[in-house]
Amino acid sequence: MYDREIIIIGGGPAGLTAGLYLARAKRRVLLLEKDAAGGYIRNIAFIENYPGFSEGVSGAALAAQMTEQARRAGVEIENAEVTGLEVFSGTRYVTCADGHGYTCNLVIITGGSKNKKLGVPGEAELAGKGVFECALCDGSQFAGKVVAVCGGGDAGVTEALYMARIAAKVIIIEAMPELTATAILQERLMAEPNVAIMTNTRVTAINGAGRVEAVEIESAGGKEMLVVDGVLVHIGLEPNTDYLEGVLELDEHRQIIVNERMETTASGVLAAGDIRSNSPRQVVTATGDGAIAGITAVKLLMESS
């Protein structure tokens, strides 16, 4: 007898949607999330491209609604960090950091992604001391100050726009020749008088004696030092698949390879959302993936019964 029929690893939009579909099919489903349910979108100040919200919605509000809907449907949600997965012929075994383990018939992995690091001197040492990743969470401490935002994609520019309302000055530093954010975000950015943009520029170090004081940068013009009070890092995402090395087949970006039914190369293991190969990393596609994974899981359980 399994502890649960299905275990979902990750409580973001993909995991909550998969859980919703499974619970409505009256399946015993447990969702494990190491942080608060809702996932990465909880830290996004405003989402404008999710259908059904014509005036946009805060990430926290959308995450809360998704979580409440899943709970009401009957999804059991527990706080736990998954550290291992074993696949046997007739069962799957999920191991957690607190020592608990669960047997189940099927596993759906929706663990999402984490922010990439710059990997430069001073970044780790000054984390939480001026180096941060979430404007909504930590931006208020930089009111009236100067903040460097590393990353010119959608995420970085969205964070920069939020910081522009708080900080005295925001400097976007992008390694590519131009920003890669969508046109509407760039248009808004250009309208902010306290935002400066530096492209073809890399951060090579973050300096400070116990607190961020400056960043060292390098561009075609050479090296220079920028005096800043904070450094927000949003240069991209990497999947949370460290514990899956050697268990599932991963692509060159370490995302999980799946088929059109969200099935992985391991029997009884599915994956959905940002963590799967070729994901567009959008909230709407994550929920779509979750729905497909949930439907596939229901069919697999019916076939095996």
Protein backbone atom coordinates (compact mmCIF):
# COMPACT_ATOMS: atom_id res chain seq x y z
CA MET A 1 0.00 0.00 0.00
CA TYR A 2 1.41 3.37 -1.02
CA ASP A 3 1.57 6.35 1.36
CA ARG A 4 -0.09 8.36 -1.43
CA GLU A 5 -1.22 7.65 -4.97
CA ILE A 6 0.59 10.73 -6.31
CA ILE A 7 3.23 13.00 -4.87
CA ILE A 8 3.80 16.39 -6.46
CA ILE A 9 7.19 17.98 -5.84
CA GLY A 10 6.87 21.76 -6.01
CA GLY A 11 4.01 24.10 -5.18
CA GLY A 12 4.14 26.66 -7.98
CA PRO A 13 1.48 27.14 -10.69
CA ALA A 14 2.30 23.83 -12.43
CA GLY A 15 2.17 21.79 -9.23
CA LEU A 16 -0.98 23.43 -7.93
CA THR A 17 -2.76 22.94 -11.26
CA ALA A 18 -1.74 19.28 -11.46
CA GLY A 19 -2.94 18.82 -7.90
CA LEU A 20 -6.26 20.51 -8.69
CA TYR A 21 -6.95 18.13 -11.59
CA LEU A 22 -5.97 15.07 -9.55
CA ALA A 23 -7.96 16.05 -6.47
CA ARG A 24 -11.05 16.68 -8.60
CA ALA A 25 -10.58 13.13 -9.92
CA LYS A 26 -10.70 12.01 -6.26
CA ARG A 27 -7.09 10.82 -6.18
CA ARG A 28 -4.99 10.86 -2.99
CA VAL A 29 -2.42 13.53 -3.76
CA LEU A 30 0.26 15.09 -1.57
CA LEU A 31 2.07 18.25 -2.66
CA LEU A 32 5.48 18.94 -1.10
CA GLU A 33 6.86 22.50 -1.21
CA LYS A 34 9.98 23.63 0.63
CA ASP A 35 8.81 27.26 0.88
CA ALA A 36 5.31 28.73 0.89
CA ALA A 37 2.85 27.29 -1.63
CA GLY A 38 2.51 29.45 -4.72
CA GLY A 39 6.12 29.21 -5.82
CA TYR A 40 8.28 31.83 -7.46
CA ILE A 41 5.38 34.04 -8.55
CA ARG A 42 4.79 35.06 -4.92
CA ASN A 43 7.75 37.42 -5.31
CA ILE A 44 6.61 39.04 -8.56
CA ALA A 45 5.12 42.47 -7.91
CA PHE A 46 2.75 42.49 -10.88
CA ILE A 47 1.75 40.03 -13.63
CA GLU A 48 0.08 41.49 -16.71
CA ASN A 49 0.03 38.58 -19.19
CA TYR A 50 -2.02 35.99 -17.29
CA PRO A 51 -5.44 35.60 -18.95
CA GLY A 52 -8.48 36.60 -16.95
CA PHE A 53 -6.94 39.61 -15.23
CA SER A 54 -7.46 42.51 -17.61
CA GLU A 55 -5.80 45.00 -15.26
CA GLY A 56 -3.07 42.61 -14.12
CA VAL A 57 -2.64 40.90 -10.77
CA SER A 58 0.05 40.78 -8.13
CA GLY A 59 2.03 37.55 -8.06
CA ALA A 60 1.24 37.09 -4.39
CA ALA A 61 -2.51 37.42 -4.98
CA LEU A 62 -2.47 34.98 -7.91
CA ALA A 63 -0.40 32.48 -5.93
CA ALA A 64 -2.78 32.74 -2.97
CA GLN A 65 -5.83 32.13 -5.17
CA MET A 66 -4.23 29.12 -6.86
CA THR A 67 -3.23 27.66 -3.49
CA GLU A 68 -6.68 28.16 -1.98
CA GLN A 69 -8.36 26.58 -5.00
CA ALA A 70 -6.10 23.51 -4.77
CA ARG A 71 -6.71 23.16 -1.02
CA ARG A 72 -10.49 23.46 -1.45
CA ALA A 73 -10.36 20.71 -4.09
CA GLY A 74 -8.65 18.42 -1.58
CA VAL A 75 -4.92 18.73 -2.29
CA GLU A 76 -2.88 18.01 0.83
CA ILE A 77 0.03 20.47 1.05
CA GLU A 78 3.04 20.02 3.31
CA ASN A 79 6.21 22.06 3.78
CA ALA A 80 9.14 19.78 2.97
CA GLU A 81 12.33 19.96 0.91
CA VAL A 82 12.70 16.97 -1.38
CA THR A 83 16.28 15.72 -1.56
CA GLY A 84 15.97 12.38 -3.32
CA LEU A 85 13.90 10.27 -5.69
CA GLU A 86 14.18 6.52 -6.23
CA VAL A 87 12.33 4.72 -9.00
CA PHE A 88 11.55 1.02 -8.57
CA SER A 89 9.56 -1.33 -10.79
CA GLY A 90 6.38 -1.01 -8.76
CA THR A 91 6.82 2.10 -6.68
CA ARG A 92 8.45 5.51 -6.38
CA TYR A 93 10.14 6.70 -3.17
CA VAL A 94 10.55 10.39 -2.31
CA THR A 95 13.06 11.43 0.38
CA CYS A 96 12.89 14.73 2.27
CA ALA A 97 15.54 16.77 4.08
CA ASP A 98 13.87 16.18 7.45
CA GLY A 99 14.34 12.42 7.08
CA HIS A 100 10.79 11.60 6.09
CA GLY A 101 10.15 9.41 3.06
CA TYR A 102 7.02 8.64 1.07
CA THR A 103 6.08 5.79 -1.24
CA CYS A 104 3.71 6.49 -4.12
CA ASN A 105 2.46 5.17 -7.41
CA LEU A 106 3.31 8.29 -9.43
CA VAL A 107 5.47 11.39 -8.99
CA ILE A 108 4.97 14.74 -10.73
CA ILE A 109 8.01 17.02 -10.51
CA THR A 110 7.16 20.72 -10.71
CA GLY A 111 10.05 22.10 -8.67
CA GLY A 112 10.60 25.11 -10.92
CA SER A 113 13.80 27.11 -11.07
CA LYS A 114 16.07 29.24 -8.93
CA ASN A 115 17.89 32.45 -9.76
CA LYS A 116 21.30 32.11 -11.32
CA LYS A 117 24.22 33.63 -9.48
CA LEU A 118 26.76 36.01 -10.96
CA GLY A 119 29.54 33.88 -9.53
CA VAL A 120 31.76 36.86 -8.78
CA PRO A 121 33.80 37.76 -5.69
CA GLY A 122 31.70 39.38 -2.98
CA GLU A 123 28.34 38.04 -4.15
CA ALA A 124 28.04 35.25 -1.58
CA GLU A 125 29.77 37.21 1.18
CA LEU A 126 27.39 40.17 0.83
CA ALA A 127 24.18 38.21 0.27
CA GLY A 128 21.55 39.84 2.48
CA LYS A 129 23.92 42.75 3.06
CA GLY A 130 23.01 44.68 -0.06
CA VAL A 131 22.95 41.76 -2.53
CA PHE A 132 19.34 40.65 -3.05
CA GLU A 133 17.05 38.91 -5.56
CA CYS A 134 13.55 40.24 -4.87
CA ALA A 135 12.54 43.90 -5.15
CA LEU A 136 9.12 43.25 -3.65
CA CYS A 137 10.64 41.45 -0.64
CA ASP A 138 13.69 43.60 0.09
CA GLY A 139 13.43 46.76 -2.01
CA SER A 140 12.12 49.05 0.73
CA GLN A 141 15.49 49.14 2.50
CA PHE A 142 16.97 50.93 -0.52
CA ALA A 143 14.62 53.92 -0.48
CA GLY A 144 16.47 56.98 -1.73
CA LYS A 145 19.60 54.96 -2.51
CA VAL A 146 21.43 53.72 -5.62
CA VAL A 147 20.79 50.16 -6.80
CA ALA A 148 22.43 48.18 -9.60
CA VAL A 149 20.14 45.62 -11.26
CA CYS A 150 22.03 42.84 -13.03
CA GLY A 151 19.96 41.47 -15.90
CA GLY A 152 18.09 43.04 -18.80
CA GLY A 153 15.51 40.34 -19.47
CA ASP A 154 11.85 40.48 -18.47
CA ALA A 155 12.57 39.56 -14.84
CA GLY A 156 15.41 42.04 -14.42
CA VAL A 157 13.55 44.93 -16.06
CA THR A 158 10.40 44.21 -14.05
CA GLU A 159 12.46 44.36 -10.85
CA ALA A 160 14.16 47.55 -12.07
CA LEU A 161 10.80 49.21 -12.73
CA TYR A 162 9.68 48.38 -9.21
CA MET A 163 12.93 49.71 -7.74
CA ALA A 164 12.65 52.90 -9.79
CA ARG A 165 9.70 53.90 -7.60
CA ILE A 166 11.77 53.44 -4.45
CA ALA A 167 15.44 54.14 -5.14
CA ALA A 168 17.05 57.44 -6.04
CA LYS A 169 18.75 55.80 -9.00
CA VAL A 170 18.64 52.41 -10.71
CA ILE A 171 21.45 51.19 -12.98
CA ILE A 172 20.67 48.20 -15.20
CA ILE A 173 23.77 46.20 -16.12
CA GLU A 174 23.36 43.76 -19.02
CA ALA A 175 26.12 41.59 -20.51
CA MET A 176 24.38 41.33 -23.91
CA PRO A 177 24.59 44.10 -26.55
CA GLU A 178 20.99 45.10 -25.81
CA LEU A 179 18.20 44.43 -23.35
CA THR A 180 16.17 41.28 -24.03
CA ALA A 181 13.00 42.27 -22.15
CA THR A 182 9.73 42.54 -24.08
CA ALA A 183 9.07 45.79 -25.94
CA ILE A 184 6.40 47.10 -23.58
CA LEU A 185 8.68 46.69 -20.55
CA GLN A 186 11.54 48.46 -22.31
CA GLU A 187 9.20 51.28 -23.27
CA ARG A 188 8.22 51.79 -19.65
CA LEU A 189 11.84 51.62 -18.59
CA MET A 190 12.84 54.38 -21.00
CA ALA A 191 10.19 56.62 -19.44
CA GLU A 192 11.77 56.39 -15.98
CA PRO A 193 14.01 59.42 -15.41
CA ASN A 194 16.08 57.78 -12.66
CA VAL A 195 17.07 54.66 -14.62
CA ALA A 196 20.41 54.27 -16.43
CA ILE A 197 21.19 51.36 -18.77
CA MET A 198 24.61 49.83 -19.38
CA THR A 199 24.79 47.07 -22.01
CA ASN A 200 27.81 45.03 -23.12
CA THR A 201 28.88 45.30 -19.52
CA ARG A 202 29.75 42.60 -16.98
CA VAL A 203 29.94 42.79 -13.21
CA THR A 204 33.28 41.32 -12.16
CA ALA A 205 33.09 41.86 -8.38
CA ILE A 206 30.92 43.28 -5.61
CA ASN A 207 32.78 45.25 -2.98
CA GLY A 208 32.02 46.39 0.55
CA ALA A 209 33.14 46.10 4.15
CA GLY A 210 30.20 44.22 5.64
CA ARG A 211 27.77 45.97 3.29
CA VAL A 212 27.60 46.61 -0.47
CA GLU A 213 29.50 49.76 -1.36
CA ALA A 214 30.37 49.35 -5.05
CA VAL A 215 30.46 47.04 -8.04
CA GLU A 216 33.40 46.50 -10.36
CA ILE A 217 32.33 46.39 -14.00
CA GLU A 218 34.04 45.65 -17.29
CA SER A 219 33.01 46.76 -20.78
CA ALA A 220 34.62 47.62 -24.11
CA GLY A 221 35.74 50.87 -22.52
CA GLY A 222 37.68 49.02 -19.83
CA LYS A 223 37.15 48.52 -16.13
CA GLU A 224 35.57 50.91 -13.68
CA MET A 225 33.97 51.08 -10.25
CA LEU A 226 30.35 52.10 -9.65
CA VAL A 227 29.36 53.30 -6.20
CA VAL A 228 26.05 51.63 -5.28
CA ASP A 229 24.14 50.73 -2.12
CA GLY A 230 22.56 47.54 -3.40
CA VAL A 231 22.86 44.90 -6.12
CA LEU A 232 19.78 43.05 -7.34
CA VAL A 233 20.67 39.93 -9.35
CA HIS A 234 18.28 38.63 -12.01
CA ILE A 235 20.43 37.21 -14.83
CA GLY A 236 18.33 34.14 -15.52
CA LEU A 237 17.07 30.92 -14.00
CA GLU A 238 18.38 27.40 -13.55
CA PRO A 239 16.21 24.35 -12.79
CA ASN A 240 16.02 22.76 -9.35
CA THR A 241 17.28 19.38 -10.56
CA ASP A 242 20.44 18.80 -8.51
CA TYR A 243 18.92 15.80 -6.71
CA LEU A 244 17.79 14.26 -10.01
CA GLU A 245 21.25 13.82 -11.56
CA GLY A 246 21.54 10.19 -12.61
CA VAL A 247 17.87 9.53 -11.84
CA LEU A 248 16.18 11.22 -14.81
CA GLU A 249 17.40 12.20 -18.26
CA LEU A 250 18.23 15.93 -18.32
CA ASP A 251 19.01 18.16 -21.30
CA GLU A 252 22.05 20.42 -21.74
CA HIS A 253 20.38 23.06 -19.53
CA ARG A 254 19.73 20.45 -16.81
CA GLN A 255 15.98 20.59 -17.42
CA ILE A 256 13.98 17.36 -17.38
CA ILE A 257 13.25 15.80 -20.77
CA VAL A 258 9.55 14.99 -21.23
CA ASN A 259 7.19 13.95 -24.01
CA GLU A 260 3.94 15.65 -25.01
CA ARG A 261 2.16 13.94 -22.08
CA MET A 262 4.72 15.35 -19.60
CA GLU A 263 6.16 11.87 -19.03
CA THR A 264 9.88 11.57 -18.29
CA THR A 265 12.14 8.70 -19.30
CA ALA A 266 11.47 7.03 -15.92
CA SER A 267 8.32 4.99 -15.47
CA GLY A 268 5.75 6.66 -13.25
CA VAL A 269 7.54 10.02 -13.14
CA LEU A 270 6.19 13.14 -14.85
CA ALA A 271 7.50 16.70 -14.93
CA ALA A 272 5.84 20.04 -15.70
CA GLY A 273 6.45 23.77 -15.65
CA ASP A 274 9.77 25.60 -15.69
CA ILE A 275 11.67 22.48 -14.73
CA ARG A 276 10.91 20.61 -17.96
CA SER A 277 12.92 20.83 -21.16
CA ASN A 278 12.08 23.68 -23.57
CA SER A 279 9.75 25.39 -21.11
CA PRO A 280 8.91 29.00 -22.10
CA ARG A 281 8.94 29.79 -18.34
CA GLN A 282 5.63 31.62 -18.32
CA VAL A 283 2.91 31.30 -15.67
CA VAL A 284 0.27 30.45 -18.26
CA THR A 285 2.35 27.65 -19.81
CA ALA A 286 3.19 26.27 -16.37
CA THR A 287 -0.51 25.91 -15.58
CA GLY A 288 -1.04 24.28 -18.98
CA ASP A 289 1.77 21.81 -18.27
CA GLY A 290 0.24 21.08 -14.88
CA ALA A 291 -3.13 20.34 -16.43
CA ILE A 292 -1.55 17.93 -18.94
CA ALA A 293 0.46 16.20 -16.20
CA GLY A 294 -2.64 15.87 -14.04
CA ILE A 295 -4.71 14.41 -16.87
CA THR A 296 -1.90 12.01 -17.82
CA ALA A 297 -1.53 10.90 -14.19
CA VAL A 298 -5.26 10.14 -13.90
CA LYS A 299 -5.11 8.02 -17.08
CA LEU A 300 -2.03 6.14 -15.88
CA LEU A 301 -3.69 5.35 -12.56
CA MET A 302 -6.82 4.10 -14.33
CA GLU A 303 -4.71 1.89 -16.61
CA SER A 304 -2.86 0.36 -13.68
CA SER A 305 -5.94 -0.34 -11.56
